[in-house]
Amino acid sequence: MNLLLTEAPLAECVTLAEAKAHLRMIHSADDAMIGVLITAAREAVELATGRALVAAGYTYTQQGDVLCSNPLPQWPIATIESVSYTSEAGAVVAIDAADYTLLVSESRLLVRGITGTGLTIDFHTAETTVPAALKASVLLLMADMYEQAESNVIGTIVTISPTVDRLLYPYRRNLGT
């Protein structure tokens, strides 16, 4: 599976002002770095849950045989821009919109009558209301990255708080599968 961002979101789910309030910060010296950390934290939450927190464009490539039911890595989906696959002869073939159906509630793409490999789907995620637990997770992860600016911590005891996992767990898609 390969998910590539093709169109960046216009805005993050957490604003710079919200992040700075969470950090109890009044200066602007670190604003650019905090913006990067907000994005990194949001991406981590999206990866952990399979839920898109902002509207963006993606290309998803699924290796192996094209299945009749193909799960998409992000939800909710606003639009499917294009779907293609590699035929048995090795040619990239666009799939007509009449030959696939998006099951919005399940975030699955049903493909009919295709034999081949390497399914590629270009899609956009939908704008959505971000639940408070997911927004809090973004803020907690951002603050942790801000406070731990180095990858190594020397000479101190470090414990991992289960709070983020507890906040994310109910929002994970496909639990148990």
Protein backbone atom coordinates (compact mmCIF):
# COMPACT_ATOMS: atom_id res chain seq x y z
CA MET A 1 0.00 0.00 0.00
CA ASN A 2 1.25 3.45 -0.88
CA LEU A 3 -0.57 6.68 -0.05
CA LEU A 4 0.81 9.87 -1.58
CA LEU A 5 -0.42 13.37 -0.77
CA THR A 6 -1.14 15.15 -4.08
CA GLU A 7 -3.03 18.20 -2.85
CA ALA A 8 -2.18 19.66 0.55
CA PRO A 9 -4.98 20.74 2.87
CA LEU A 10 -5.90 24.41 2.83
CA ALA A 11 -6.03 24.53 6.64
CA GLU A 12 -5.15 22.33 9.58
CA CYS A 13 -7.67 21.00 12.10
CA VAL A 14 -5.77 22.83 14.87
CA THR A 15 -4.90 26.50 14.40
CA LEU A 16 -1.60 28.07 15.37
CA ALA A 17 -3.45 30.11 18.01
CA GLU A 18 -4.96 26.94 19.53
CA ALA A 19 -1.57 25.22 19.56
CA LYS A 20 0.14 28.21 21.19
CA ALA A 21 -2.61 28.42 23.82
CA HIS A 22 -2.13 24.70 24.52
CA LEU A 23 1.62 25.28 24.91
CA ARG A 24 0.96 28.42 27.00
CA MET A 25 3.21 30.34 24.61
CA ILE A 26 3.05 34.08 24.03
CA HIS A 27 6.06 34.63 21.72
CA SER A 28 6.14 34.01 17.97
CA ALA A 29 9.74 32.83 17.59
CA ASP A 30 8.69 29.18 17.11
CA ASP A 31 5.55 29.72 15.00
CA ALA A 32 6.96 28.07 11.85
CA MET A 33 8.15 25.01 13.78
CA ILE A 34 4.82 24.72 15.60
CA GLY A 35 3.04 24.78 12.22
CA VAL A 36 5.16 21.82 11.05
CA LEU A 37 4.46 19.97 14.31
CA ILE A 38 0.70 20.51 13.94
CA THR A 39 0.85 18.92 10.49
CA ALA A 40 2.99 16.02 11.72
CA ALA A 41 0.65 15.38 14.66
CA ARG A 42 -2.45 15.51 12.43
CA GLU A 43 -0.84 13.06 9.97
CA ALA A 44 -0.01 10.69 12.86
CA VAL A 45 -3.62 10.80 14.08
CA GLU A 46 -4.93 10.18 10.55
CA LEU A 47 -2.57 7.23 10.11
CA ALA A 48 -3.55 5.72 13.47
CA THR A 49 -7.29 6.06 12.87
CA GLY A 50 -7.71 5.86 9.08
CA ARG A 51 -9.84 9.02 9.32
CA ALA A 52 -9.11 12.19 7.41
CA LEU A 53 -9.21 15.24 9.64
CA VAL A 54 -8.88 17.75 6.78
CA ALA A 55 -9.81 17.85 3.10
CA ALA A 56 -6.85 16.89 0.88
CA GLY A 57 -6.01 15.04 -2.34
CA TYR A 58 -4.29 11.64 -2.48
CA THR A 59 -3.09 8.96 -4.83
CA TYR A 60 -3.46 5.47 -3.37
CA THR A 61 -1.65 2.56 -5.00
CA GLN A 62 -2.56 -0.97 -4.04
CA GLN A 63 -0.16 -3.70 -5.16
CA GLY A 64 -1.31 -7.18 -6.13
CA ASP A 65 -4.46 -8.37 -7.82
CA VAL A 66 -7.38 -5.98 -8.22
CA LEU A 67 -10.08 -7.15 -5.86
CA CYS A 68 -13.81 -6.66 -6.29
CA SER A 69 -13.88 -4.77 -2.96
CA ASN A 70 -10.91 -2.50 -2.23
CA PRO A 71 -10.60 -0.69 1.12
CA LEU A 72 -9.43 2.92 0.94
CA PRO A 73 -6.91 4.12 3.52
CA GLN A 74 -8.73 7.35 4.43
CA TRP A 75 -12.32 8.19 5.30
CA PRO A 76 -14.52 10.12 4.56
CA ILE A 77 -14.06 10.33 0.81
CA ALA A 78 -15.44 13.36 -1.02
CA THR A 79 -14.68 12.38 -4.61
CA ILE A 80 -12.94 9.72 -6.66
CA GLU A 81 -11.04 11.51 -9.44
CA SER A 82 -9.75 8.46 -11.34
CA VAL A 83 -9.16 4.74 -11.02
CA SER A 84 -6.71 2.70 -13.07
CA TYR A 85 -4.99 -0.67 -13.01
CA THR A 86 -2.26 -2.58 -14.84
CA SER A 87 -3.68 -5.11 -17.29
CA GLU A 88 -2.31 -8.63 -17.72
CA ALA A 89 -0.51 -7.31 -20.82
CA GLY A 90 1.26 -4.67 -18.69
CA ALA A 91 -0.64 -1.60 -19.92
CA VAL A 92 -2.10 0.98 -17.51
CA VAL A 93 -5.86 1.05 -18.10
CA ALA A 94 -8.28 3.70 -16.81
CA ILE A 95 -11.44 2.27 -15.31
CA ASP A 96 -14.67 3.92 -16.41
CA ALA A 97 -16.74 5.39 -13.57
CA ALA A 98 -19.58 3.02 -14.53
CA ASP A 99 -17.35 0.07 -13.59
CA TYR A 100 -16.76 1.05 -9.96
CA THR A 101 -18.87 2.14 -7.01
CA LEU A 102 -17.75 3.97 -3.90
CA LEU A 103 -19.36 2.61 -0.75
CA VAL A 104 -19.11 5.83 1.25
CA SER A 105 -20.16 4.37 4.60
CA GLU A 106 -17.51 1.63 4.39
CA SER A 107 -14.85 3.58 2.48
CA ARG A 108 -14.55 0.76 -0.04
CA LEU A 109 -14.32 0.87 -3.80
CA LEU A 110 -16.21 -1.90 -5.57
CA VAL A 111 -14.68 -2.71 -8.98
CA ARG A 112 -16.53 -4.84 -11.53
CA GLY A 113 -15.14 -7.05 -14.29
CA ILE A 114 -11.44 -6.16 -14.01
CA THR A 115 -8.55 -8.61 -14.23
CA GLY A 116 -5.18 -7.12 -13.47
CA THR A 117 -2.86 -5.78 -10.80
CA GLY A 118 -1.68 -2.53 -9.29
CA LEU A 119 -4.87 -0.57 -8.63
CA THR A 120 -4.32 3.22 -8.48
CA ILE A 121 -6.99 5.53 -7.09
CA ASP A 122 -6.87 9.34 -7.11
CA PHE A 123 -9.29 10.79 -4.56
CA HIS A 124 -10.08 13.70 -2.27
CA THR A 125 -11.04 13.40 1.36
CA ALA A 126 -14.05 15.32 2.62
CA GLU A 127 -14.14 18.28 4.97
CA THR A 128 -15.40 17.00 8.29
CA THR A 129 -16.07 18.08 11.85
CA VAL A 130 -13.15 16.85 13.93
CA PRO A 131 -14.23 15.17 17.18
CA ALA A 132 -12.83 16.78 20.33
CA ALA A 133 -10.88 13.62 21.23
CA LEU A 134 -9.02 13.66 17.90
CA LYS A 135 -8.34 17.38 18.16
CA ALA A 136 -7.00 16.85 21.69
CA SER A 137 -4.79 14.04 20.37
CA VAL A 138 -3.31 16.38 17.76
CA LEU A 139 -2.61 18.97 20.46
CA LEU A 140 -1.04 16.42 22.82
CA LEU A 141 1.19 14.94 20.10
CA MET A 142 2.21 18.40 18.89
CA ALA A 143 3.11 19.48 22.43
CA ASP A 144 5.08 16.28 23.01
CA MET A 145 7.09 16.84 19.82
CA TYR A 146 7.66 20.48 20.78
CA GLU A 147 8.89 19.60 24.28
CA GLN A 148 11.03 16.67 23.05
CA ALA A 149 12.82 18.42 20.21
CA GLU A 150 15.53 15.75 20.09
CA SER A 151 15.10 12.09 19.17
CA ASN A 152 17.26 10.91 22.10
CA VAL A 153 16.56 11.57 25.75
CA ILE A 154 19.61 11.10 27.97
CA GLY A 155 19.74 10.91 31.74
CA THR A 156 16.06 11.01 32.53
CA ILE A 157 13.20 8.61 33.07
CA VAL A 158 10.69 8.71 30.23
CA THR A 159 7.24 7.21 30.40
CA ILE A 160 4.65 7.11 27.66
CA SER A 161 1.25 8.45 28.60
CA PRO A 162 -1.63 6.25 27.42
CA THR A 163 -3.87 9.30 26.96
CA VAL A 164 -3.45 9.64 23.19
CA ASP A 165 -4.08 5.91 22.64
CA ARG A 166 -7.20 6.11 24.79
CA LEU A 167 -8.47 9.13 22.86
CA LEU A 168 -7.78 7.56 19.44
CA TYR A 169 -9.02 4.03 20.11
CA PRO A 170 -12.77 4.57 19.63
CA TYR A 171 -12.14 6.39 16.34
CA ARG A 172 -9.99 3.71 14.69
CA ARG A 173 -11.58 2.23 11.59
CA ASN A 174 -11.89 -1.53 11.08
CA LEU A 175 -11.22 -2.53 14.69
CA GLY A 176 -10.51 -6.23 14.90
CA THR A 177 -9.99 -6.75 11.17
